[in-house]
C-alpha atoms as a PDB file:
ATOM      1  CA  MET A   1     129.542  87.133 114.659  1.00  0.00           C
ATOM      2  CA  LEU A   2     127.436  85.027 117.042  1.00  0.00           C
ATOM      3  CA  SER A   3     127.461  87.842 119.596  1.00  0.00           C
ATOM      4  CA  TYR A   4     124.998  89.900 117.527  1.00  0.00           C
ATOM      5  CA  LYS A   5     121.325  89.852 118.469  1.00  0.00           C
ATOM      6  CA  HIS A   6     118.911  92.100 116.644  1.00  0.00           C
ATOM      7  CA  GLY A   7     116.627  92.365 119.661  1.00  0.00           C
ATOM      8  CA  PHE A   8     118.785  95.220 120.979  1.00  0.00           C
ATOM      9  CA  HIS A   9     118.032  97.247 117.833  1.00  0.00           C
ATOM     10  CA  SER A  10     114.501  96.156 116.922  1.00  0.00           C
ATOM     11  CA  GLY A  11     112.180  98.831 115.607  1.00  0.00           C
ATOM     12  CA  ASN A  12     114.891 101.479 115.239  1.00  0.00           C
ATOM     13  CA  HIS A  13     115.249 103.881 112.286  1.00  0.00           C
ATOM     14  CA  ALA A  14     117.301 101.322 110.355  1.00  0.00           C
ATOM     15  CA  ASP A  15     114.531  98.749 110.656  1.00  0.00           C
ATOM     16  CA  ILE A  16     111.980 101.265 109.402  1.00  0.00           C
ATOM     17  CA  ILE A  17     113.819 102.187 106.183  1.00  0.00           C
ATOM     18  CA  LYS A  18     114.691  98.526 105.574  1.00  0.00           C
ATOM     19  CA  HIS A  19     111.206  97.160 106.153  1.00  0.00           C
ATOM     20  CA  MET A  20     109.353  99.880 104.278  1.00  0.00           C
ATOM     21  CA  THR A  21     111.660  99.328 101.306  1.00  0.00           C
ATOM     22  CA  LEU A  22     111.020  95.594 101.618  1.00  0.00           C
ATOM     23  CA  CYS A  23     107.256  96.163 101.646  1.00  0.00           C
ATOM     24  CA  VAL A  24     107.417  98.170  98.423  1.00  0.00           C
ATOM     25  CA  LEU A  25     109.645  95.541  96.794  1.00  0.00           C
ATOM     26  CA  LEU A  26     107.158  92.799  97.675  1.00  0.00           C
ATOM     27  CA  ARG A  27     104.263  94.943  96.422  1.00  0.00           C
ATOM     28  CA  ILE A  28     105.929  95.178  93.011  1.00  0.00           C
ATOM     29  CA  LEU A  29     106.810  91.465  92.915  1.00  0.00           C
ATOM     30  CA  ASN A  30     103.188  90.630  93.745  1.00  0.00           C
ATOM     31  CA  GLN A  31     101.908  92.572  90.741  1.00  0.00           C
ATOM     32  CA  LYS A  32     102.668  89.563  88.527  1.00  0.00           C
ATOM     33  CA  GLU A  33     100.815  86.313  89.157  1.00  0.00           C
ATOM     34  CA  LYS A  34     103.883  84.176  88.518  1.00  0.00           C
ATOM     35  CA  PRO A  35     105.264  82.772  91.824  1.00  0.00           C
ATOM     36  CA  TYR A  36     108.664  83.754  93.125  1.00  0.00           C
ATOM     37  CA  THR A  37     111.392  82.702  95.552  1.00  0.00           C
ATOM     38  CA  LEU A  38     112.443  84.828  98.511  1.00  0.00           C
ATOM     39  CA  ILE A  39     115.661  84.115 100.427  1.00  0.00           C
ATOM     40  CA  ASP A  40     116.489  85.974 103.662  1.00  0.00           C
ATOM     41  CA  THR A  41     120.145  85.296 104.546  1.00  0.00           C
ATOM     42  CA  HIS A  42     120.245  86.853 108.029  1.00  0.00           C
ATOM     43  CA  SER A  43     116.713  86.413 109.300  1.00  0.00           C
ATOM     44  CA  GLY A  44     117.064  86.772 113.054  1.00  0.00           C
ATOM     45  CA  SER A  45     114.202  85.408 115.145  1.00  0.00           C
ATOM     46  CA  GLY A  46     111.466  87.119 113.130  1.00  0.00           C
ATOM     47  CA  LEU A  47     109.673  88.791 116.041  1.00  0.00           C
ATOM     48  CA  TYR A  48     110.893  91.031 118.878  1.00  0.00           C
ATOM     49  CA  LYS A  49     109.269  92.167 122.121  1.00  0.00           C
ATOM     50  CA  LEU A  50     109.748  95.892 122.637  1.00  0.00           C
ATOM     51  CA  ASP A  51     109.306  95.488 126.400  1.00  0.00           C
ATOM     52  CA  SER A  52     112.066  92.842 126.608  1.00  0.00           C
ATOM     53  CA  PHE A  53     115.399  93.429 128.348  1.00  0.00           C
ATOM     54  CA  MET A  54     117.228  93.692 125.020  1.00  0.00           C
ATOM     55  CA  ALA A  55     114.877  96.242 123.466  1.00  0.00           C
ATOM     56  CA  GLN A  56     114.637  98.265 126.676  1.00  0.00           C
ATOM     57  CA  LYS A  57     118.399  98.476 127.206  1.00  0.00           C
ATOM     58  CA  ASN A  58     118.935 101.300 124.695  1.00  0.00           C
ATOM     59  CA  GLU A  59     115.315 101.869 123.631  1.00  0.00           C
ATOM     60  CA  GLU A  60     116.359 102.185 119.989  1.00  0.00           C
ATOM     61  CA  PHE A  61     112.738 101.734 118.908  1.00  0.00           C
ATOM     62  CA  ARG A  62     112.169 105.328 120.029  1.00  0.00           C
ATOM     63  CA  SER A  63     114.219 106.460 117.003  1.00  0.00           C
ATOM     64  CA  GLY A  64     111.949 104.504 114.661  1.00  0.00           C
ATOM     65  CA  ILE A  65     108.607 102.811 115.161  1.00  0.00           C
ATOM     66  CA  SER A  66     107.606 105.040 118.092  1.00  0.00           C
ATOM     67  CA  LYS A  67     107.851 108.094 115.817  1.00  0.00           C
ATOM     68  CA  ILE A  68     105.887 106.725 112.864  1.00  0.00           C
ATOM     69  CA  GLU A  69     103.405 104.341 114.483  1.00  0.00           C
ATOM     70  CA  ASN A  70     100.521 106.772 113.850  1.00  0.00           C
ATOM     71  CA  ASN A  71     101.866 108.566 110.771  1.00  0.00           C
ATOM     72  CA  GLN A  72      98.870 108.932 108.451  1.00  0.00           C
ATOM     73  CA  VAL A  73     100.956 109.830 105.384  1.00  0.00           C
ATOM     74  CA  LEU A  74     103.042 106.665 105.681  1.00  0.00           C
ATOM     75  CA  LYS A  75      99.919 104.599 106.341  1.00  0.00           C
ATOM     76  CA  GLU A  76      98.655 105.665 102.930  1.00  0.00           C
ATOM     77  CA  LEU A  77     102.026 105.245 101.187  1.00  0.00           C
ATOM     78  CA  VAL A  78     102.991 101.875 102.713  1.00  0.00           C
ATOM     79  CA  PRO A  79      99.800 100.300 104.084  1.00  0.00           C
ATOM     80  CA  GLU A  80     101.460  96.861 103.958  1.00  0.00           C
ATOM     81  CA  PHE A  81     103.913  97.867 106.684  1.00  0.00           C
ATOM     82  CA  TYR A  82     101.117  98.804 109.075  1.00  0.00           C
ATOM     83  CA  GLU A  83      99.023  95.743 108.195  1.00  0.00           C
ATOM     84  CA  VAL A  84     101.876  93.476 109.296  1.00  0.00           C
ATOM     85  CA  PHE A  85     102.744  95.585 112.332  1.00  0.00           C
ATOM     86  CA  ASP A  86      99.114  95.666 113.506  1.00  0.00           C
ATOM     87  CA  ALA A  87      98.635  91.950 112.859  1.00  0.00           C
ATOM     88  CA  VAL A  88     101.612  90.845 114.961  1.00  0.00           C
ATOM     89  CA  ASN A  89     100.626  93.225 117.757  1.00  0.00           C
ATOM     90  CA  THR A  90      97.155  91.717 117.796  1.00  0.00           C
ATOM     91  CA  GLU A  91      98.775  88.351 118.545  1.00  0.00           C
ATOM     92  CA  VAL A  92     101.747  89.523 120.644  1.00  0.00           C
ATOM     93  CA  LYS A  93     101.324  92.893 122.318  1.00  0.00           C
ATOM     94  CA  ASN A  94     104.141  95.460 122.217  1.00  0.00           C
ATOM     95  CA  SER A  95     106.142  93.639 119.558  1.00  0.00           C
ATOM     96  CA  TYR A  96     107.956  94.505 116.354  1.00  0.00           C
ATOM     97  CA  PRO A  97     108.129  92.170 113.330  1.00  0.00           C
ATOM     98  CA  GLY A  98     111.463  91.287 111.760  1.00  0.00           C
ATOM     99  CA  SER A  99     111.930  90.861 108.026  1.00  0.00           C
ATOM    100  CA  PRO A 100     110.633  87.258 107.961  1.00  0.00           C
ATOM    101  CA  PHE A 101     107.203  88.310 109.229  1.00  0.00           C
ATOM    102  CA  PHE A 102     106.907  90.985 106.548  1.00  0.00           C
ATOM    103  CA  GLU A 103     108.024  88.445 103.957  1.00  0.00           C
ATOM    104  CA  ALA A 104     105.707  85.661 105.143  1.00  0.00           C
ATOM    105  CA  MET A 105     102.643  87.855 105.496  1.00  0.00           C
ATOM    106  CA  LEU A 106     103.068  89.780 102.230  1.00  0.00           C
ATOM    107  CA  THR A 107     103.857  86.860  99.920  1.00  0.00           C
ATOM    108  CA  ARG A 108     101.324  84.530  98.315  1.00  0.00           C
ATOM    109  CA  GLU A 109     100.429  80.870  98.786  1.00  0.00           C
ATOM    110  CA  THR A 110     102.431  79.917  95.683  1.00  0.00           C
ATOM    111  CA  ASP A 111     105.647  81.709  96.688  1.00  0.00           C
ATOM    112  CA  LYS A 112     108.619  79.922  98.259  1.00  0.00           C
ATOM    113  CA  LEU A 113     110.501  81.297 101.296  1.00  0.00           C
ATOM    114  CA  THR A 114     113.874  80.378 102.796  1.00  0.00           C
ATOM    115  CA  PHE A 115     114.874  81.914 106.149  1.00  0.00           C
ATOM    116  CA  ILE A 116     118.462  81.516 107.367  1.00  0.00           C
ATOM    117  CA  ASP A 117     120.232  82.382 110.614  1.00  0.00           C
ATOM    118  CA  LEU A 118     123.449  81.067 112.129  1.00  0.00           C
ATOM    119  CA  HIS A 119     122.837  82.047 115.766  1.00  0.00           C
ATOM    120  CA  PRO A 120     121.443  78.948 117.587  1.00  0.00           C
ATOM    121  CA  SER A 121     118.863  80.731 119.745  1.00  0.00           C
ATOM    122  CA  GLU A 122     117.766  83.039 116.918  1.00  0.00           C
ATOM    123  CA  PHE A 123     117.378  79.993 114.666  1.00  0.00           C
ATOM    124  CA  GLU A 124     115.244  78.182 117.263  1.00  0.00           C
ATOM    125  CA  ASN A 125     112.948  81.176 117.659  1.00  0.00           C
ATOM    126  CA  LEU A 126     112.768  81.574 113.887  1.00  0.00           C
ATOM    127  CA  ARG A 127     111.852  77.916 113.427  1.00  0.00           C
ATOM    128  CA  ASN A 128     109.171  78.103 116.107  1.00  0.00           C
ATOM    129  CA  ASN A 129     107.676  81.258 114.605  1.00  0.00           C
ATOM    130  CA  PHE A 130     107.247  79.732 111.136  1.00  0.00           C
ATOM    131  CA  LYS A 131     106.913  75.991 111.757  1.00  0.00           C
ATOM    132  CA  ARG A 132     103.293  75.989 110.579  1.00  0.00           C
ATOM    133  CA  ASP A 133     104.000  77.773 107.290  1.00  0.00           C
ATOM    134  CA  HIS A 134     104.541  75.041 104.700  1.00  0.00           C
ATOM    135  CA  ARG A 135     106.101  77.531 102.252  1.00  0.00           C
ATOM    136  CA  CYS A 136     109.034  78.223 104.598  1.00  0.00           C
ATOM    137  CA  THR A 137     112.359  76.405 104.752  1.00  0.00           C
ATOM    138  CA  ILE A 138     114.326  77.340 107.901  1.00  0.00           C
ATOM    139  CA  GLN A 139     118.104  76.796 107.926  1.00  0.00           C
ATOM    140  CA  CYS A 140     120.810  77.230 110.574  1.00  0.00           C
ATOM    141  CA  ARG A 141     123.905  78.167 108.574  1.00  0.00           C
ATOM    142  CA  GLU A 142     126.002  81.129 107.464  1.00  0.00           C
ATOM    143  CA  GLY A 143     123.795  83.156 105.151  1.00  0.00           C
ATOM    144  CA  LEU A 144     126.264  84.255 102.492  1.00  0.00           C
ATOM    145  CA  ALA A 145     127.729  80.766 102.155  1.00  0.00           C
ATOM    146  CA  ALA A 146     124.213  79.359 101.823  1.00  0.00           C
ATOM    147  CA  LEU A 147     123.619  81.326  98.623  1.00  0.00           C
ATOM    148  CA  ASN A 148     126.055  79.126  96.728  1.00  0.00           C
ATOM    149  CA  ALA A 149     123.894  76.094  97.439  1.00  0.00           C
ATOM    150  CA  LEU A 150     120.525  77.824  97.025  1.00  0.00           C
ATOM    151  CA  LEU A 151     121.098  79.612  93.719  1.00  0.00           C
ATOM    152  CA  PRO A 152     119.662  79.467  91.165  1.00  0.00           C
ATOM    153  CA  PRO A 153     116.348  78.872  92.933  1.00  0.00           C
ATOM    154  CA  THR A 154     113.063  77.374  91.847  1.00  0.00           C
ATOM    155  CA  PRO A 155     110.983  79.364  90.970  1.00  0.00           C
ATOM    156  CA  ARG A 156     113.641  81.350  89.107  1.00  0.00           C
ATOM    157  CA  ARG A 157     111.869  84.671  89.663  1.00  0.00           C
ATOM    158  CA  GLY A 158     112.580  86.297  93.007  1.00  0.00           C
ATOM    159  CA  MET A 159     114.713  88.157  95.516  1.00  0.00           C
ATOM    160  CA  VAL A 160     117.442  87.777  98.134  1.00  0.00           C
ATOM    161  CA  LEU A 161     117.500  90.010 101.228  1.00  0.00           C
ATOM    162  CA  ILE A 162     120.997  90.310 102.723  1.00  0.00           C
ATOM    163  CA  ASP A 163     121.228  91.964 106.136  1.00  0.00           C
ATOM    164  CA  PRO A 164     124.507  91.047 107.901  1.00  0.00           C
ATOM    165  CA  ALA A 165     125.630  92.310 111.302  1.00  0.00           C
ATOM    166  CA  TYR A 166     128.776  93.889 109.786  1.00  0.00           C
ATOM    167  CA  GLU A 167     130.706  93.240 112.989  1.00  0.00           C
ATOM    168  CA  GLU A 168     133.917  92.598 111.045  1.00  0.00           C
ATOM    169  CA  LYS A 169     135.408  94.553 108.137  1.00  0.00           C
ATOM    170  CA  ASN A 170     135.779  91.395 106.061  1.00  0.00           C
ATOM    171  CA  GLU A 171     131.980  90.979 106.044  1.00  0.00           C
ATOM    172  CA  TYR A 172     131.778  93.751 103.444  1.00  0.00           C
ATOM    173  CA  ILE A 173     134.327  91.977 101.255  1.00  0.00           C
ATOM    174  CA  ASP A 174     132.627  88.611 101.703  1.00  0.00           C
ATOM    175  CA  LEU A 175     129.273  90.160 100.833  1.00  0.00           C
ATOM    176  CA  VAL A 176     130.488  91.589  97.518  1.00  0.00           C
ATOM    177  CA  LYS A 177     132.083  88.244  96.610  1.00  0.00           C
ATOM    178  CA  ALA A 178     128.891  86.369  97.468  1.00  0.00           C
ATOM    179  CA  VAL A 179     126.711  88.758  95.444  1.00  0.00           C
ATOM    180  CA  LYS A 180     129.057  88.613  92.452  1.00  0.00           C
ATOM    181  CA  HIS A 181     129.017  84.818  92.534  1.00  0.00           C
ATOM    182  CA  GLY A 182     125.260  84.804  93.110  1.00  0.00           C
ATOM    183  CA  LEU A 183     124.666  86.979  90.057  1.00  0.00           C
ATOM    184  CA  SER A 184     126.795  84.617  87.960  1.00  0.00           C
ATOM    185  CA  LYS A 185     124.354  81.826  88.883  1.00  0.00           C
ATOM    186  CA  TRP A 186     121.172  83.902  88.948  1.00  0.00           C
ATOM    187  CA  ALA A 187     121.578  86.926  86.696  1.00  0.00           C
ATOM    188  CA  THR A 188     117.922  87.976  86.913  1.00  0.00           C
ATOM    189  CA  GLY A 189     117.571  87.822  90.704  1.00  0.00           C
ATOM    190  CA  VAL A 190     116.890  90.917  92.801  1.00  0.00           C
ATOM    191  CA  PHE A 191     119.567  91.344  95.495  1.00  0.00           C
ATOM    192  CA  ALA A 192     118.479  93.764  98.249  1.00  0.00           C
ATOM    193  CA  ILE A 193     121.343  94.598 100.624  1.00  0.00           C
ATOM    194  CA  TRP A 194     121.018  96.546 103.862  1.00  0.00           C
ATOM    195  CA  TYR A 195     124.045  98.504 105.146  1.00  0.00           C
ATOM    196  CA  PRO A 196     124.785 100.816 108.107  1.00  0.00           C
ATOM    197  CA  VAL A 197     126.213 104.348 107.940  1.00  0.00           C
ATOM    198  CA  LEU A 198     128.723 104.512 110.813  1.00  0.00           C
ATOM    199  CA  GLY A 199     131.151 107.111 112.150  1.00  0.00           C
ATOM    200  CA  LYS A 200     133.452 108.453 109.439  1.00  0.00           C
ATOM    201  CA  LEU A 201     136.533 106.480 110.575  1.00  0.00           C
ATOM    202  CA  ARG A 202     134.585 103.212 110.699  1.00  0.00           C
ATOM    203  CA  ASP A 203     132.173 103.656 107.816  1.00  0.00           C
ATOM    204  CA  HIS A 204     132.400 101.380 104.759  1.00  0.00           C
ATOM    205  CA  SER A 205     129.125 102.304 103.079  1.00  0.00           C
ATOM    206  CA  LYS A 206     130.717 104.276 100.234  1.00  0.00           C
ATOM    207  CA  ASN A 207     133.210 101.504  99.465  1.00  0.00           C
ATOM    208  CA  LEU A 208     130.427  98.927  99.500  1.00  0.00           C
ATOM    209  CA  THR A 209     128.357 101.059  97.125  1.00  0.00           C
ATOM    210  CA  ASN A 210     131.281 101.485  94.735  1.00  0.00           C
ATOM    211  CA  ASP A 211     132.137  97.777  94.814  1.00  0.00           C
ATOM    212  CA  LEU A 212     128.558  96.825  93.951  1.00  0.00           C
ATOM    213  CA  ARG A 213     128.371  99.537  91.273  1.00  0.00           C
ATOM    214  CA  ARG A 214     131.320  97.884  89.520  1.00  0.00           C
ATOM    215  CA  LEU A 215     129.303  94.693  89.047  1.00  0.00           C
ATOM    216  CA  ASN A 216     127.594  96.584  86.200  1.00  0.00           C
ATOM    217  CA  VAL A 217     124.025  95.538  86.890  1.00  0.00           C
ATOM    218  CA  PRO A 218     121.089  97.897  87.545  1.00  0.00           C
ATOM    219  CA  LEU A 219     121.574  99.383  91.019  1.00  0.00           C
ATOM    220  CA  LEU A 220     119.321 101.605  93.152  1.00  0.00           C
ATOM    221  CA  GLN A 221     120.319 103.172  96.472  1.00  0.00           C
ATOM    222  CA  VAL A 222     117.992 104.364  99.212  1.00  0.00           C
ATOM    223  CA  GLU A 223     119.533 105.856 102.362  1.00  0.00           C
ATOM    224  CA  LEU A 224     118.290 107.643 105.463  1.00  0.00           C
ATOM    225  CA  CYS A 225     120.556 109.323 108.022  1.00  0.00           C
ATOM    226  CA  VAL A 226     118.649 110.579 111.043  1.00  0.00           C
ATOM    227  CA  GLU A 227     121.478 112.667 112.496  1.00  0.00           C
ATOM    228  CA  PRO A 228     124.892 114.053 111.478  1.00  0.00           C
ATOM    229  CA  GLN A 229     127.717 111.582 110.953  1.00  0.00           C
ATOM    230  CA  GLU A 230     130.192 111.527 113.831  1.00  0.00           C
ATOM    231  CA  GLU A 231     133.934 111.010 113.402  1.00  0.00           C
ATOM    232  CA  VAL A 232     134.145 107.590 115.047  1.00  0.00           C
ATOM    233  CA  PHE A 233     131.194 106.226 116.987  1.00  0.00           C
ATOM    234  CA  GLY A 234     127.537 105.604 116.367  1.00  0.00           C
ATOM    235  CA  MET A 235     125.260 104.605 113.506  1.00  0.00           C
ATOM    236  CA  CYS A 236     123.728 107.786 112.131  1.00  0.00           C
ATOM    237  CA  GLY A 237     121.754 106.030 109.409  1.00  0.00           C
ATOM    238  CA  SER A 238     121.464 103.134 107.026  1.00  0.00           C
ATOM    239  CA  GLY A 239     120.396 102.256 103.535  1.00  0.00           C
ATOM    240  CA  MET A 240     119.539  99.642 100.962  1.00  0.00           C
ATOM    241  CA  LEU A 241     121.408  98.825  97.772  1.00  0.00           C
ATOM    242  CA  ILE A 242     119.125  96.956  95.374  1.00  0.00           C
ATOM    243  CA  LEU A 243     120.664  95.201  92.401  1.00  0.00           C
ATOM    244  CA  ASN A 244     118.350  94.332  89.485  1.00  0.00           C
ATOM    245  CA  TYR A 245     115.799  96.623  91.129  1.00  0.00           C
ATOM    246  CA  PRO A 246     112.244  96.215  89.794  1.00  0.00           C
ATOM    247  CA  TYR A 247     110.760  98.710  87.374  1.00  0.00           C
ATOM    248  CA  ASN A 248     109.190 101.760  89.101  1.00  0.00           C
ATOM    249  CA  LEU A 249     110.770 101.021  92.488  1.00  0.00           C
ATOM    250  CA  ASP A 250     112.380 104.468  92.601  1.00  0.00           C
ATOM    251  CA  LYS A 251     109.052 106.175  91.859  1.00  0.00           C
ATOM    252  CA  GLU A 252     107.231 104.135  94.513  1.00  0.00           C
ATOM    253  CA  LEU A 253     109.905 104.820  97.140  1.00  0.00           C
ATOM    254  CA  SER A 254     110.405 108.538  96.527  1.00  0.00           C
ATOM    255  CA  PRO A 255     107.484 109.861  98.618  1.00  0.00           C
ATOM    256  CA  VAL A 256     108.191 107.253 101.310  1.00  0.00           C
ATOM    257  CA  VAL A 257     111.766 108.441 101.713  1.00  0.00           C
ATOM    258  CA  ASP A 258     110.623 112.072 101.818  1.00  0.00           C
ATOM    259  CA  GLU A 259     108.160 111.376 104.619  1.00  0.00           C
ATOM    260  CA  LEU A 260     110.610 109.231 106.597  1.00  0.00           C
ATOM    261  CA  TYR A 261     113.128 112.059 106.425  1.00  0.00           C
ATOM    262  CA  LYS A 262     110.549 114.479 107.828  1.00  0.00           C
ATOM    263  CA  ALA A 263     109.421 112.072 110.535  1.00  0.00           C
ATOM    264  CA  LEU A 264     112.703 110.562 111.724  1.00  0.00           C
ATOM    265  CA  SER A 265     115.626 112.897 110.939  1.00  0.00           C
ATOM    266  CA  ARG A 266     116.981 115.595 113.198  1.00  0.00           C
ATOM    267  CA  LYS A 267     118.878 118.674 112.034  1.00  0.00           C
ATOM    268  CA  GLY A 268     121.923 117.518 110.076  1.00  0.00           C
ATOM    269  CA  GLY A 269     120.287 114.327 108.852  1.00  0.00           C
ATOM    270  CA  SER A 270     119.927 113.422 105.189  1.00  0.00           C
ATOM    271  CA  ALA A 271     118.011 111.234 102.763  1.00  0.00           C
ATOM    272  CA  ARG A 272     119.014 109.809  99.398  1.00  0.00           C
ATOM    273  CA  LEU A 273     117.251 107.927  96.622  1.00  0.00           C
ATOM    274  CA  LYS A 274     119.528 107.428  93.658  1.00  0.00           C
ATOM    275  CA  VAL A 275     119.730 105.277  90.555  1.00  0.00           C
ATOM    276  CA  ILE A 276     123.424 104.395  90.411  1.00  0.00           C
ATOM    277  CA  ASN A 277     123.305 102.003  87.463  1.00  0.00           C
ATOM    278  CA  ALA A 278     120.197 102.563  85.349  1.00  0.00           C
ATOM    279  CA  LYS A 279     118.128  99.777  83.840  1.00  0.00           C
ATOM    280  CA  GLU A 280     118.566  99.443  80.089  1.00  0.00           C
END
């Protein structure tokens, strides 16, 4: 698991669907004055240079941020995304923000943030990036295991973002166990889970969706595949499974998903926004 570094994939199509969904989630959470807790279990370093060796190796950002950097429709639909992207590029040219920067910049002074990463160098970069933000607690530990100690949080209102590397098959199983246990301790928490869509023989996205559906809590799925699914290799797309999704999230995301499909998908791609378990 410690071999994974997100810098190789920063700014790709998976980052775009994940971070735009995150922006809309935070927008809805911010509509109430009451403070909330945000826990990011696999934070990475928080900021990535697109001209670095890692980003330049496969140039995955060309499948994502390069295609939508000047998209006027998305700028109107998700202005928060572009506010954060522009702000970090004002400070660090040719960079792409990870989830922690979106979370730190779009939350309020009264909100509480916990960023977690197990990789030593990613943790050091993460700690350096947010050492001046008094709202942030930075931890070097395994993210899913950390939930047991962190839940239920104070404030009790809030969200967990779970974004594992999925390098091993058992990570899917461990994730479902951790979410099930987390819900038993924090039944009202929003759990937002990113997942990849891989080649057919390696893909576990449908099993993960079904396992989370069986937890019998409100569940919303958003998914974007930018190309056809191969038999074995490659990541053709990704998605988010959001348990206890906030009211109106599907309506807010619908035009965003439509525009991302137009902007990022090639022939044979697909997009999905589906309420799997409806709110009562």
